[in-house]
Amino acid sequence: MATATEGYVEAQTGRLKAEMQAQVIEAIQQSDRARFRETMWLAALMLASVASAAGLVIAVLR
């Protein structure tokens, strides 16, 4: 069960990373510096949050 959950968490982390990368690319293409900085902070915070949650879930399941 832990393996399936770990796989799910990894899949969700990958999906969120791809979404954040797409937003960063869009911000760069629009040459909107303020939006780019905001998107970078949001991406960093979301990835840190997902990584923390994933670590917590995996730690609890083990």
C-alpha atoms as a PDB file:
ATOM      1  CA  MET A   1       0.000   0.000   0.000  1.00  0.00           C
ATOM      2  CA  ALA A   2       2.860   2.355   0.760  1.00  0.00           C
ATOM      3  CA  THR A   3       4.275   1.740  -2.714  1.00  0.00           C
ATOM      4  CA  ALA A   4       1.010   2.714  -4.412  1.00  0.00           C
ATOM      5  CA  THR A   5       0.767   5.827  -2.262  1.00  0.00           C
ATOM      6  CA  GLU A   6       4.379   6.749  -2.957  1.00  0.00           C
ATOM      7  CA  GLY A   7       3.712   6.347  -6.674  1.00  0.00           C
ATOM      8  CA  TYR A   8       0.636   8.548  -6.421  1.00  0.00           C
ATOM      9  CA  VAL A   9       2.541  11.215  -4.505  1.00  0.00           C
ATOM     10  CA  GLU A  10       5.364  11.141  -7.045  1.00  0.00           C
ATOM     11  CA  ALA A  11       2.871  11.409  -9.926  1.00  0.00           C
ATOM     12  CA  GLN A  12       1.141  14.386  -8.309  1.00  0.00           C
ATOM     13  CA  THR A  13       4.481  16.053  -7.614  1.00  0.00           C
ATOM     14  CA  GLY A  14       5.476  15.587 -11.254  1.00  0.00           C
ATOM     15  CA  ARG A  15       2.154  16.961 -12.456  1.00  0.00           C
ATOM     16  CA  LEU A  16       2.429  20.050 -10.252  1.00  0.00           C
ATOM     17  CA  LYS A  17       6.019  20.600 -11.347  1.00  0.00           C
ATOM     18  CA  ALA A  18       4.962  20.468 -14.997  1.00  0.00           C
ATOM     19  CA  GLU A  19       2.127  22.935 -14.341  1.00  0.00           C
ATOM     20  CA  MET A  20       4.477  25.340 -12.576  1.00  0.00           C
ATOM     21  CA  GLN A  21       7.039  25.079 -15.388  1.00  0.00           C
ATOM     22  CA  ALA A  22       4.305  25.856 -17.919  1.00  0.00           C
ATOM     23  CA  GLN A  23       3.290  28.940 -15.927  1.00  0.00           C
ATOM     24  CA  VAL A  24       6.899  30.117 -15.709  1.00  0.00           C
ATOM     25  CA  ILE A  25       7.348  29.680 -19.472  1.00  0.00           C
ATOM     26  CA  GLU A  26       4.127  31.602 -20.111  1.00  0.00           C
ATOM     27  CA  ALA A  27       5.252  34.433 -17.831  1.00  0.00           C
ATOM     28  CA  ILE A  28       8.628  34.648 -19.580  1.00  0.00           C
ATOM     29  CA  GLN A  29       7.012  34.723 -23.004  1.00  0.00           C
ATOM     30  CA  GLN A  30       4.765  37.596 -21.967  1.00  0.00           C
ATOM     31  CA  SER A  31       7.797  39.547 -20.706  1.00  0.00           C
ATOM     32  CA  ASP A  32       5.904  40.453 -17.567  1.00  0.00           C
ATOM     33  CA  ARG A  33       8.658  40.745 -14.957  1.00  0.00           C
ATOM     34  CA  ALA A  34       6.338  41.220 -11.986  1.00  0.00           C
ATOM     35  CA  ARG A  35       4.226  38.226 -12.946  1.00  0.00           C
ATOM     36  CA  PHE A  36       7.350  36.156 -13.580  1.00  0.00           C
ATOM     37  CA  ARG A  37       8.695  36.880 -10.080  1.00  0.00           C
ATOM     38  CA  GLU A  38       5.294  36.107  -8.544  1.00  0.00           C
ATOM     39  CA  THR A  39       5.077  32.853 -10.497  1.00  0.00           C
ATOM     40  CA  MET A  40       8.581  31.853  -9.433  1.00  0.00           C
ATOM     41  CA  TRP A  41       7.717  32.402  -5.762  1.00  0.00           C
ATOM     42  CA  LEU A  42       4.451  30.534  -6.159  1.00  0.00           C
ATOM     43  CA  ALA A  43       6.190  27.642  -7.902  1.00  0.00           C
ATOM     44  CA  ALA A  44       8.859  27.445  -5.216  1.00  0.00           C
ATOM     45  CA  LEU A  45       6.292  27.528  -2.421  1.00  0.00           C
ATOM     46  CA  MET A  46       4.057  24.943  -4.058  1.00  0.00           C
ATOM     47  CA  LEU A  47       6.920  22.561  -4.778  1.00  0.00           C
ATOM     48  CA  ALA A  48       8.214  22.917  -1.221  1.00  0.00           C
ATOM     49  CA  SER A  49       4.722  22.273   0.109  1.00  0.00           C
ATOM     50  CA  VAL A  50       4.219  19.220  -2.081  1.00  0.00           C
ATOM     51  CA  ALA A  51       7.646  17.862  -1.165  1.00  0.00           C
ATOM     52  CA  SER A  52       6.920  18.345   2.548  1.00  0.00           C
ATOM     53  CA  ALA A  53       3.533  16.686   2.268  1.00  0.00           C
ATOM     54  CA  ALA A  54       4.979  13.809   0.270  1.00  0.00           C
ATOM     55  CA  GLY A  55       7.701  13.286   2.843  1.00  0.00           C
ATOM     56  CA  LEU A  56       5.169  13.343   5.653  1.00  0.00           C
ATOM     57  CA  VAL A  57       2.882  10.842   3.910  1.00  0.00           C
ATOM     58  CA  ILE A  58       5.756   8.488   3.173  1.00  0.00           C
ATOM     59  CA  ALA A  59       7.106   8.800   6.728  1.00  0.00           C
ATOM     60  CA  VAL A  60       3.681   8.040   8.225  1.00  0.00           C
ATOM     61  CA  LEU A  61       3.163   5.036   5.964  1.00  0.00           C
ATOM     62  CA  ARG A  62       6.495   3.493   6.856  1.00  0.00           C
END
